[in-house]
Amino acid sequence: IAFKKLRPLMNRVLIKKAEPLTKTKGGILLPENKQEQLNFGVVIAVGPGKALDNGQLRPVSVKEGDTVLLPEYGGNKVTLGDNQDYFLYRDDDLMGTLHDPSK
């Protein structure tokens, strides 16, 4: 069964990782072992939040479309119907959001 959409539960966040550069600005193709592993991605979907001991819901700290800094290890790989790889992280594991200083 191929699913096209995933809605994360609790405080989980679905991330599409940034693709590593496969060639330089000059057009030189880089071998796979020289491609930099990028540790950021775009938030695709977020869960409703984490249930606290007092019954309240603490919302997720990021929203869809945010660019986030990811830890070096972690996340669960998920492949959806579009044959793209996505990763599920807990909100607590995300290291920060990235912003363009020119905006």
PDB file of N, CA and C in Angstrom:
ATOM      1  N   ILE A   1       0.856  -1.176   0.000  1.00  0.00           N
ATOM      2  CA  ILE A   1       0.000   0.000   0.000  1.00  0.00           C
ATOM      3  C   ILE A   1       0.895   1.229   0.000  1.00  0.00           C
ATOM      4  N   ALA A   2       0.653   2.119  -0.909  1.00  0.00           N
ATOM      5  CA  ALA A   2       1.436   3.357  -0.990  1.00  0.00           C
ATOM      6  C   ALA A   2       0.609   4.509  -0.429  1.00  0.00           C
ATOM      7  N   PHE A   3       1.083   5.104   0.636  1.00  0.00           N
ATOM      8  CA  PHE A   3       0.399   6.226   1.253  1.00  0.00           C
ATOM      9  C   PHE A   3       0.983   7.517   0.702  1.00  0.00           C
ATOM     10  N   LYS A   4       0.135   8.495   0.475  1.00  0.00           N
ATOM     11  CA  LYS A   4       0.585   9.755  -0.106  1.00  0.00           C
ATOM     12  C   LYS A   4       0.799  10.830   0.929  1.00  0.00           C
ATOM     13  N   LYS A   5       0.185  10.685   2.106  1.00  0.00           N
ATOM     14  CA  LYS A   5       0.291  11.722   3.116  1.00  0.00           C
ATOM     15  C   LYS A   5       0.428  11.069   4.484  1.00  0.00           C
ATOM     16  N   LEU A   6       1.212  11.690   5.326  1.00  0.00           N
ATOM     17  CA  LEU A   6       1.424  11.188   6.678  1.00  0.00           C
ATOM     18  C   LEU A   6       1.182  12.330   7.645  1.00  0.00           C
ATOM     19  N   ARG A   7       0.354  12.103   8.632  1.00  0.00           N
ATOM     20  CA  ARG A   7       0.135  13.094   9.688  1.00  0.00           C
ATOM     21  C   ARG A   7       0.824  12.541  10.941  1.00  0.00           C
ATOM     22  N   PRO A   8       1.878  13.196  11.402  1.00  0.00           N
ATOM     23  CA  PRO A   8       2.590  12.717  12.583  1.00  0.00           C
ATOM     24  C   PRO A   8       1.713  12.783  13.837  1.00  0.00           C
ATOM     25  N   LEU A   9       1.962  11.877  14.757  1.00  0.00           N
ATOM     26  CA  LEU A   9       1.264  11.861  16.035  1.00  0.00           C
ATOM     27  C   LEU A   9       2.106  12.557  17.095  1.00  0.00           C
ATOM     28  N   MET A  10       1.424  13.002  18.141  1.00  0.00           N
ATOM     29  CA  MET A  10       2.047  13.609  19.318  1.00  0.00           C
ATOM     30  C   MET A  10       3.003  14.737  18.915  1.00  0.00           C
ATOM     31  N   ASN A  11       4.244  14.682  19.404  1.00  0.00           N
ATOM     32  CA  ASN A  11       5.182  15.773  19.156  1.00  0.00           C
ATOM     33  C   ASN A  11       6.195  15.424  18.058  1.00  0.00           C
ATOM     34  N   ARG A  12       5.761  14.639  17.101  1.00  0.00           N
ATOM     35  CA  ARG A  12       6.658  14.262  16.012  1.00  0.00           C
ATOM     36  C   ARG A  12       6.517  15.231  14.836  1.00  0.00           C
ATOM     37  N   VAL A  13       7.616  15.338  14.070  1.00  0.00           N
ATOM     38  CA  VAL A  13       7.700  16.276  12.950  1.00  0.00           C
ATOM     39  C   VAL A  13       8.227  15.511  11.738  1.00  0.00           C
ATOM     40  N   LEU A  14       7.564  15.644  10.588  1.00  0.00           N
ATOM     41  CA  LEU A  14       7.987  15.010   9.346  1.00  0.00           C
ATOM     42  C   LEU A  14       8.863  15.994   8.584  1.00  0.00           C
ATOM     43  N   ILE A  15      10.081  15.563   8.248  1.00  0.00           N
ATOM     44  CA  ILE A  15      11.096  16.421   7.626  1.00  0.00           C
ATOM     45  C   ILE A  15      11.509  15.860   6.271  1.00  0.00           C
ATOM     46  N   LYS A  16      11.669  16.734   5.292  1.00  0.00           N
ATOM     47  CA  LYS A  16      12.297  16.396   4.012  1.00  0.00           C
ATOM     48  C   LYS A  16      13.699  16.969   4.081  1.00  0.00           C
ATOM     49  N   LYS A  17      14.704  16.084   4.178  1.00  0.00           N
ATOM     50  CA  LYS A  17      16.086  16.549   4.295  1.00  0.00           C
ATOM     51  C   LYS A  17      16.551  17.215   3.003  1.00  0.00           C
ATOM     52  N   ALA A  18      17.457  18.171   3.150  1.00  0.00           N
ATOM     53  CA  ALA A  18      18.056  18.855   2.001  1.00  0.00           C
ATOM     54  C   ALA A  18      18.933  17.857   1.239  1.00  0.00           C
ATOM     55  N   GLU A  19      18.902  17.951  -0.057  1.00  0.00           N
ATOM     56  CA  GLU A  19      19.701  17.071  -0.914  1.00  0.00           C
ATOM     57  C   GLU A  19      21.143  17.564  -0.969  1.00  0.00           C
ATOM     58  N   PRO A  20      22.124  16.669  -0.845  1.00  0.00           N
ATOM     59  CA  PRO A  20      23.519  17.108  -0.958  1.00  0.00           C
ATOM     60  C   PRO A  20      23.835  17.569  -2.383  1.00  0.00           C
ATOM     61  N   LEU A  21      24.759  18.500  -2.483  1.00  0.00           N
ATOM     62  CA  LEU A  21      25.159  19.004  -3.793  1.00  0.00           C
ATOM     63  C   LEU A  21      25.896  17.916  -4.558  1.00  0.00           C
ATOM     64  N   THR A  22      25.501  17.704  -5.816  1.00  0.00           N
ATOM     65  CA  THR A  22      26.134  16.676  -6.628  1.00  0.00           C
ATOM     66  C   THR A  22      27.145  17.252  -7.602  1.00  0.00           C
ATOM     67  N   LYS A  23      27.139  18.592  -7.754  1.00  0.00           N
ATOM     68  CA  LYS A  23      28.163  19.218  -8.593  1.00  0.00           C
ATOM     69  C   LYS A  23      28.477  20.610  -8.064  1.00  0.00           C
ATOM     70  N   THR A  24      29.650  21.093  -8.422  1.00  0.00           N
ATOM     71  CA  THR A  24      30.112  22.399  -7.972  1.00  0.00           C
ATOM     72  C   THR A  24      29.458  23.501  -8.785  1.00  0.00           C
ATOM     73  N   LYS A  25      29.696  24.752  -8.384  1.00  0.00           N
ATOM     74  CA  LYS A  25      29.152  25.890  -9.127  1.00  0.00           C
ATOM     75  C   LYS A  25      29.689  25.918 -10.558  1.00  0.00           C
ATOM     76  N   GLY A  26      30.895  25.401 -10.745  1.00  0.00           N
ATOM     77  CA  GLY A  26      31.498  25.360 -12.071  1.00  0.00           C
ATOM     78  C   GLY A  26      31.009  24.205 -12.922  1.00  0.00           C
ATOM     79  N   GLY A  27      30.176  23.324 -12.360  1.00  0.00           N
ATOM     80  CA  GLY A  27      29.610  22.216 -13.126  1.00  0.00           C
ATOM     81  C   GLY A  27      30.353  20.903 -13.001  1.00  0.00           C
ATOM     82  N   ILE A  28      31.339  20.838 -12.104  1.00  0.00           N
ATOM     83  CA  ILE A  28      32.093  19.600 -11.924  1.00  0.00           C
ATOM     84  C   ILE A  28      31.272  18.654 -11.053  1.00  0.00           C
ATOM     85  N   LEU A  29      31.074  17.426 -11.526  1.00  0.00           N
ATOM     86  CA  LEU A  29      30.326  16.431 -10.765  1.00  0.00           C
ATOM     87  C   LEU A  29      31.175  15.917  -9.606  1.00  0.00           C
ATOM     88  N   LEU A  30      30.573  15.828  -8.446  1.00  0.00           N
ATOM     89  CA  LEU A  30      31.267  15.352  -7.249  1.00  0.00           C
ATOM     90  C   LEU A  30      30.989  13.870  -7.036  1.00  0.00           C
ATOM     91  N   PRO A  31      32.039  13.087  -6.721  1.00  0.00           N
ATOM     92  CA  PRO A  31      31.788  11.681  -6.390  1.00  0.00           C
ATOM     93  C   PRO A  31      31.020  11.595  -5.071  1.00  0.00           C
ATOM     94  N   GLU A  32      30.308  10.491  -4.876  1.00  0.00           N
ATOM     95  CA  GLU A  32      29.448  10.350  -3.710  1.00  0.00           C
ATOM     96  C   GLU A  32      30.185  10.525  -2.383  1.00  0.00           C
ATOM     97  N   ASN A  33      31.443  10.069  -2.314  1.00  0.00           N
ATOM     98  CA  ASN A  33      32.182  10.167  -1.048  1.00  0.00           C
ATOM     99  C   ASN A  33      32.655  11.595  -0.758  1.00  0.00           C
ATOM    100  N   LYS A  34      32.554  12.504  -1.708  1.00  0.00           N
ATOM    101  CA  LYS A  34      32.949  13.899  -1.499  1.00  0.00           C
ATOM    102  C   LYS A  34      31.748  14.826  -1.302  1.00  0.00           C
ATOM    103  N   GLN A  35      30.535  14.284  -1.465  1.00  0.00           N
ATOM    104  CA  GLN A  35      29.343  15.103  -1.277  1.00  0.00           C
ATOM    105  C   GLN A  35      29.136  15.342   0.211  1.00  0.00           C
ATOM    106  N   GLU A  36      28.875  16.578   0.559  1.00  0.00           N
ATOM    107  CA  GLU A  36      28.655  16.929   1.956  1.00  0.00           C
ATOM    108  C   GLU A  36      27.281  16.443   2.400  1.00  0.00           C
ATOM    109  N   GLN A  37      27.228  15.859   3.598  1.00  0.00           N
ATOM    110  CA  GLN A  37      25.949  15.482   4.176  1.00  0.00           C
ATOM    111  C   GLN A  37      25.368  16.710   4.867  1.00  0.00           C
ATOM    112  N   LEU A  38      24.237  17.151   4.430  1.00  0.00           N
ATOM    113  CA  LEU A  38      23.624  18.357   4.975  1.00  0.00           C
ATOM    114  C   LEU A  38      22.744  17.987   6.164  1.00  0.00           C
ATOM    115  N   ASN A  39      22.790  18.809   7.195  1.00  0.00           N
ATOM    116  CA  ASN A  39      22.041  18.493   8.410  1.00  0.00           C
ATOM    117  C   ASN A  39      20.895  19.479   8.634  1.00  0.00           C
ATOM    118  N   PHE A  40      20.176  19.761   7.564  1.00  0.00           N
ATOM    119  CA  PHE A  40      18.978  20.576   7.711  1.00  0.00           C
ATOM    120  C   PHE A  40      17.927  20.084   6.732  1.00  0.00           C
ATOM    121  N   GLY A  41      16.697  20.505   6.980  1.00  0.00           N
ATOM    122  CA  GLY A  41      15.603  20.089   6.120  1.00  0.00           C
ATOM    123  C   GLY A  41      14.397  20.981   6.322  1.00  0.00           C
ATOM    124  N   VAL A  42      13.354  20.692   5.565  1.00  0.00           N
ATOM    125  CA  VAL A  42      12.124  21.480   5.601  1.00  0.00           C
ATOM    126  C   VAL A  42      11.031  20.663   6.283  1.00  0.00           C
ATOM    127  N   VAL A  43      10.292  21.328   7.158  1.00  0.00           N
ATOM    128  CA  VAL A  43       9.183  20.678   7.865  1.00  0.00           C
ATOM    129  C   VAL A  43       8.029  20.493   6.882  1.00  0.00           C
ATOM    130  N   ILE A  44       7.577  19.254   6.733  1.00  0.00           N
ATOM    131  CA  ILE A  44       6.476  18.915   5.834  1.00  0.00           C
ATOM    132  C   ILE A  44       5.156  18.844   6.603  1.00  0.00           C
ATOM    133  N   ALA A  45       5.179  18.246   7.805  1.00  0.00           N
ATOM    134  CA  ALA A  45       3.971  18.113   8.617  1.00  0.00           C
ATOM    135  C   ALA A  45       4.368  18.018  10.082  1.00  0.00           C
ATOM    136  N   VAL A  46       3.473  18.448  10.962  1.00  0.00           N
ATOM    137  CA  VAL A  46       3.726  18.384  12.403  1.00  0.00           C
ATOM    138  C   VAL A  46       2.544  17.727  13.106  1.00  0.00           C
ATOM    139  N   GLY A  47       2.849  17.087  14.233  1.00  0.00           N
ATOM    140  CA  GLY A  47       1.800  16.510  15.067  1.00  0.00           C
ATOM    141  C   GLY A  47       1.169  17.591  15.933  1.00  0.00           C
ATOM    142  N   PRO A  48       0.133  17.229  16.699  1.00  0.00           N
ATOM    143  CA  PRO A  48      -0.578  18.222  17.512  1.00  0.00           C
ATOM    144  C   PRO A  48       0.206  18.714  18.715  1.00  0.00           C
ATOM    145  N   GLY A  49       1.131  17.922  19.222  1.00  0.00           N
ATOM    146  CA  GLY A  49       1.916  18.335  20.382  1.00  0.00           C
ATOM    147  C   GLY A  49       2.033  17.218  21.396  1.00  0.00           C
ATOM    148  N   LYS A  50       2.691  17.533  22.506  1.00  0.00           N
ATOM    149  CA  LYS A  50       2.956  16.548  23.550  1.00  0.00           C
ATOM    150  C   LYS A  50       1.976  16.743  24.702  1.00  0.00           C
ATOM    151  N   ALA A  51       1.399  15.641  25.159  1.00  0.00           N
ATOM    152  CA  ALA A  51       0.486  15.700  26.296  1.00  0.00           C
ATOM    153  C   ALA A  51       1.300  15.808  27.583  1.00  0.00           C
ATOM    154  N   LEU A  52       1.030  16.827  28.378  1.00  0.00           N
ATOM    155  CA  LEU A  52       1.724  17.035  29.642  1.00  0.00           C
ATOM    156  C   LEU A  52       1.037  16.258  30.765  1.00  0.00           C
ATOM    157  N   ASP A  53       1.706  16.158  31.910  1.00  0.00           N
ATOM    158  CA  ASP A  53       1.155  15.418  33.045  1.00  0.00           C
ATOM    159  C   ASP A  53      -0.168  15.993  33.537  1.00  0.00           C
ATOM    160  N   ASN A  54      -0.356  17.305  33.388  1.00  0.00           N
ATOM    161  CA  ASN A  54      -1.590  17.933  33.859  1.00  0.00           C
ATOM    162  C   ASN A  54      -2.726  17.855  32.839  1.00  0.00           C
ATOM    163  N   GLY A  55      -2.508  17.126  31.719  1.00  0.00           N
ATOM    164  CA  GLY A  55      -3.549  16.941  30.719  1.00  0.00           C
ATOM    165  C   GLY A  55      -3.540  17.969  29.612  1.00  0.00           C
ATOM    166  N   GLN A  56      -2.765  19.030  29.756  1.00  0.00           N
ATOM    167  CA  GLN A  56      -2.701  20.047  28.704  1.00  0.00           C
ATOM    168  C   GLN A  56      -1.808  19.563  27.567  1.00  0.00           C
ATOM    169  N   LEU A  57      -1.947  20.203  26.427  1.00  0.00           N
ATOM    170  CA  LEU A  57      -1.165  19.865  25.243  1.00  0.00           C
ATOM    171  C   LEU A  57      -0.143  20.951  24.985  1.00  0.00           C
ATOM    172  N   ARG A  58       1.155  20.578  24.956  1.00  0.00           N
ATOM    173  CA  ARG A  58       2.207  21.543  24.601  1.00  0.00           C
ATOM    174  C   ARG A  58       2.407  21.455  23.089  1.00  0.00           C
ATOM    175  N   PRO A  59       2.080  22.532  22.347  1.00  0.00           N
ATOM    176  CA  PRO A  59       2.176  22.466  20.887  1.00  0.00           C
ATOM    177  C   PRO A  59       3.620  22.312  20.419  1.00  0.00           C
ATOM    178  N   VAL A  60       3.765  21.801  19.204  1.00  0.00           N
ATOM    179  CA  VAL A  60       5.074  21.640  18.575  1.00  0.00           C
ATOM    180  C   VAL A  60       5.648  23.025  18.299  1.00  0.00           C
ATOM    181  N   SER A  61       6.966  23.170  18.442  1.00  0.00           N
ATOM    182  CA  SER A  61       7.602  24.487  18.349  1.00  0.00           C
ATOM    183  C   SER A  61       7.900  24.942  16.917  1.00  0.00           C
ATOM    184  N   VAL A  62       7.659  24.097  15.914  1.00  0.00           N
ATOM    185  CA  VAL A  62       7.896  24.478  14.519  1.00  0.00           C
ATOM    186  C   VAL A  62       6.591  24.338  13.742  1.00  0.00           C
ATOM    187  N   LYS A  63       6.561  24.922  12.549  1.00  0.00           N
ATOM    188  CA  LYS A  63       5.370  24.821  11.706  1.00  0.00           C
ATOM    189  C   LYS A  63       5.785  24.352  10.314  1.00  0.00           C
ATOM    190  N   GLU A  64       4.816  23.946   9.531  1.00  0.00           N
ATOM    191  CA  GLU A  64       5.084  23.489   8.172  1.00  0.00           C
ATOM    192  C   GLU A  64       5.777  24.595   7.378  1.00  0.00           C
ATOM    193  N   GLY A  65       6.806  24.223   6.631  1.00  0.00           N
ATOM    194  CA  GLY A  65       7.547  25.182   5.820  1.00  0.00           C
ATOM    195  C   GLY A  65       8.801  25.713   6.488  1.00  0.00           C
ATOM    196  N   ASP A  66       8.955  25.523   7.812  1.00  0.00           N
ATOM    197  CA  ASP A  66      10.162  25.969   8.505  1.00  0.00           C
ATOM    198  C   ASP A  66      11.367  25.148   8.054  1.00  0.00           C
ATOM    199  N   THR A  67      12.526  25.778   8.001  1.00  0.00           N
ATOM    200  CA  THR A  67      13.781  25.069   7.760  1.00  0.00           C
ATOM    201  C   THR A  67      14.436  24.861   9.111  1.00  0.00           C
ATOM    202  N   VAL A  68      14.771  23.607   9.416  1.00  0.00           N
ATOM    203  CA  VAL A  68      15.263  23.266  10.747  1.00  0.00           C
ATOM    204  C   VAL A  68      16.638  22.607  10.684  1.00  0.00           C
ATOM    205  N   LEU A  69      17.401  22.821  11.743  1.00  0.00           N
ATOM    206  CA  LEU A  69      18.709  22.197  11.909  1.00  0.00           C
ATOM    207  C   LEU A  69      18.490  20.855  12.579  1.00  0.00           C
ATOM    208  N   LEU A  70      19.065  19.800  12.018  1.00  0.00           N
ATOM    209  CA  LEU A  70      18.837  18.436  12.494  1.00  0.00           C
ATOM    210  C   LEU A  70      20.060  17.900  13.223  1.00  0.00           C
ATOM    211  N   PRO A  71      19.856  16.979  14.169  1.00  0.00           N
ATOM    212  CA  PRO A  71      20.999  16.341  14.807  1.00  0.00           C
ATOM    213  C   PRO A  71      21.714  15.434  13.801  1.00  0.00           C
ATOM    214  N   GLU A  72      22.965  15.124  14.099  1.00  0.00           N
ATOM    215  CA  GLU A  72      23.751  14.293  13.184  1.00  0.00           C
ATOM    216  C   GLU A  72      23.148  12.899  13.031  1.00  0.00           C
ATOM    217  N   TYR A  73      22.640  12.351  14.113  1.00  0.00           N
ATOM    218  CA  TYR A  73      22.047  11.015  14.081  1.00  0.00           C
ATOM    219  C   TYR A  73      20.612  11.093  14.569  1.00  0.00           C
ATOM    220  N   GLY A  74      19.813  10.129  14.190  1.00  0.00           N
ATOM    221  CA  GLY A  74      18.439  10.058  14.667  1.00  0.00           C
ATOM    222  C   GLY A  74      17.449  10.209  13.537  1.00  0.00           C
ATOM    223  N   GLY A  75      16.208  10.187  13.903  1.00  0.00           N
ATOM    224  CA  GLY A  75      15.135  10.269  12.922  1.00  0.00           C
ATOM    225  C   GLY A  75      14.834   8.896  12.356  1.00  0.00           C
ATOM    226  N   ASN A  76      13.590   8.682  12.039  1.00  0.00           N
ATOM    227  CA  ASN A  76      13.156   7.427  11.428  1.00  0.00           C
ATOM    228  C   ASN A  76      12.808   7.682   9.974  1.00  0.00           C
ATOM    229  N   LYS A  77      13.434   6.916   9.079  1.00  0.00           N
ATOM    230  CA  LYS A  77      13.234   7.085   7.649  1.00  0.00           C
ATOM    231  C   LYS A  77      11.876   6.517   7.245  1.00  0.00           C
ATOM    232  N   VAL A  78      11.145   7.292   6.427  1.00  0.00           N
ATOM    233  CA  VAL A  78       9.832   6.896   5.934  1.00  0.00           C
ATOM    234  C   VAL A  78       9.797   7.176   4.440  1.00  0.00           C
ATOM    235  N   THR A  79       9.322   6.207   3.650  1.00  0.00           N
ATOM    236  CA  THR A  79       9.159   6.410   2.214  1.00  0.00           C
ATOM    237  C   THR A  79       7.665   6.393   1.911  1.00  0.00           C
ATOM    238  N   LEU A  80       7.188   7.472   1.306  1.00  0.00           N
ATOM    239  CA  LEU A  80       5.765   7.587   0.994  1.00  0.00           C
ATOM    240  C   LEU A  80       5.518   7.254  -0.478  1.00  0.00           C
ATOM    241  N   GLY A  81       4.294   7.417  -0.937  1.00  0.00           N
ATOM    242  CA  GLY A  81       3.879   7.043  -2.282  1.00  0.00           C
ATOM    243  C   GLY A  81       4.604   7.755  -3.399  1.00  0.00           C
ATOM    244  N   ASP A  82       5.214   8.905  -3.108  1.00  0.00           N
ATOM    245  CA  ASP A  82       5.953   9.622  -4.154  1.00  0.00           C
ATOM    246  C   ASP A  82       7.396   9.134  -4.266  1.00  0.00           C
ATOM    247  N   ASN A  83       7.728   8.047  -3.558  1.00  0.00           N
ATOM    248  CA  ASN A  83       9.072   7.444  -3.548  1.00  0.00           C
ATOM    249  C   ASN A  83      10.143   8.407  -3.063  1.00  0.00           C
ATOM    250  N   GLN A  84       9.763   9.383  -2.261  1.00  0.00           N
ATOM    251  CA  GLN A  84      10.696  10.313  -1.631  1.00  0.00           C
ATOM    252  C   GLN A  84      10.960   9.826  -0.213  1.00  0.00           C
ATOM    253  N   ASP A  85      12.163  10.063   0.267  1.00  0.00           N
ATOM    254  CA  ASP A  85      12.503   9.710   1.645  1.00  0.00           C
ATOM    255  C   ASP A  85      12.240  10.901   2.552  1.00  0.00           C
ATOM    256  N   TYR A  86      11.542  10.648   3.629  1.00  0.00           N
ATOM    257  CA  TYR A  86      11.257  11.636   4.655  1.00  0.00           C
ATOM    258  C   TYR A  86      11.768  11.077   5.975  1.00  0.00           C
ATOM    259  N   PHE A  87      11.865  11.928   6.974  1.00  0.00           N
ATOM    260  CA  PHE A  87      12.336  11.495   8.286  1.00  0.00           C
ATOM    261  C   PHE A  87      11.417  12.036   9.363  1.00  0.00           C
ATOM    262  N   LEU A  88      11.119  11.192  10.343  1.00  0.00           N
ATOM    263  CA  LEU A  88      10.320  11.595  11.493  1.00  0.00           C
ATOM    264  C   LEU A  88      11.250  11.857  12.666  1.00  0.00           C
ATOM    265  N   TYR A  89      11.148  13.038  13.250  1.00  0.00           N
ATOM    266  CA  TYR A  89      11.912  13.416  14.429  1.00  0.00           C
ATOM    267  C   TYR A  89      10.938  13.843  15.523  1.00  0.00           C
ATOM    268  N   ARG A  90      11.357  13.722  16.755  1.00  0.00           N
ATOM    269  CA  ARG A  90      10.597  14.312  17.850  1.00  0.00           C
ATOM    270  C   ARG A  90      10.928  15.805  17.872  1.00  0.00           C
ATOM    271  N   ASP A  91       9.953  16.602  18.249  1.00  0.00           N
ATOM    272  CA  ASP A  91      10.147  18.046  18.336  1.00  0.00           C
ATOM    273  C   ASP A  91      11.333  18.384  19.239  1.00  0.00           C
ATOM    274  N   ASP A  92      11.496  17.636  20.322  1.00  0.00           N
ATOM    275  CA  ASP A  92      12.587  17.887  21.268  1.00  0.00           C
ATOM    276  C   ASP A  92      13.969  17.651  20.658  1.00  0.00           C
ATOM    277  N   ASP A  93      14.052  16.828  19.600  1.00  0.00           N
ATOM    278  CA  ASP A  93      15.344  16.501  18.992  1.00  0.00           C
ATOM    279  C   ASP A  93      15.830  17.554  18.002  1.00  0.00           C
ATOM    280  N   LEU A  94      14.920  18.395  17.513  1.00  0.00           N
ATOM    281  CA  LEU A  94      15.318  19.431  16.555  1.00  0.00           C
ATOM    282  C   LEU A  94      16.186  20.456  17.258  1.00  0.00           C
ATOM    283  N   MET A  95      17.233  20.919  16.585  1.00  0.00           N
ATOM    284  CA  MET A  95      18.223  21.780  17.223  1.00  0.00           C
ATOM    285  C   MET A  95      17.939  23.266  17.048  1.00  0.00           C
ATOM    286  N   GLY A  96      17.137  23.649  16.078  1.00  0.00           N
ATOM    287  CA  GLY A  96      16.834  25.058  15.882  1.00  0.00           C
ATOM    288  C   GLY A  96      16.219  25.279  14.512  1.00  0.00           C
ATOM    289  N   THR A  97      15.785  26.516  14.285  1.00  0.00           N
ATOM    290  CA  THR A  97      15.264  26.884  12.969  1.00  0.00           C
ATOM    291  C   THR A  97      16.279  27.780  12.269  1.00  0.00           C
ATOM    292  N   LEU A  98      16.337  27.671  10.975  1.00  0.00           N
ATOM    293  CA  LEU A  98      17.279  28.451  10.166  1.00  0.00           C
ATOM    294  C   LEU A  98      16.516  29.541   9.433  1.00  0.00           C
ATOM    295  N   HIS A  99      17.077  30.737   9.409  1.00  0.00           N
ATOM    296  CA  HIS A  99      16.419  31.887   8.782  1.00  0.00           C
ATOM    297  C   HIS A  99      17.393  32.581   7.855  1.00  0.00           C
ATOM    298  N   ASP A 100      16.873  33.137   6.774  1.00  0.00           N
ATOM    299  CA  ASP A 100      17.667  33.917   5.833  1.00  0.00           C
ATOM    300  C   ASP A 100      17.836  35.316   6.415  1.00  0.00           C
ATOM    301  N   PRO A 101      19.082  35.766   6.691  1.00  0.00           N
ATOM    302  CA  PRO A 101      19.263  37.080   7.314  1.00  0.00           C
ATOM    303  C   PRO A 101      18.850  38.235   6.421  1.00  0.00           C
ATOM    304  N   SER A 102      18.702  38.009   5.117  1.00  0.00           N
ATOM    305  CA  SER A 102      18.333  39.102   4.219  1.00  0.00           C
ATOM    306  C   SER A 102      16.833  39.373   4.219  1.00  0.00           C
ATOM    307  N   LYS A 103      16.060  38.534   4.900  1.00  0.00           N
ATOM    308  CA  LYS A 103      14.600  38.710   4.908  1.00  0.00           C
ATOM    309  C   LYS A 103      14.117  39.243   6.210  1.00  0.00           C
TER     310      LYS A 103
END
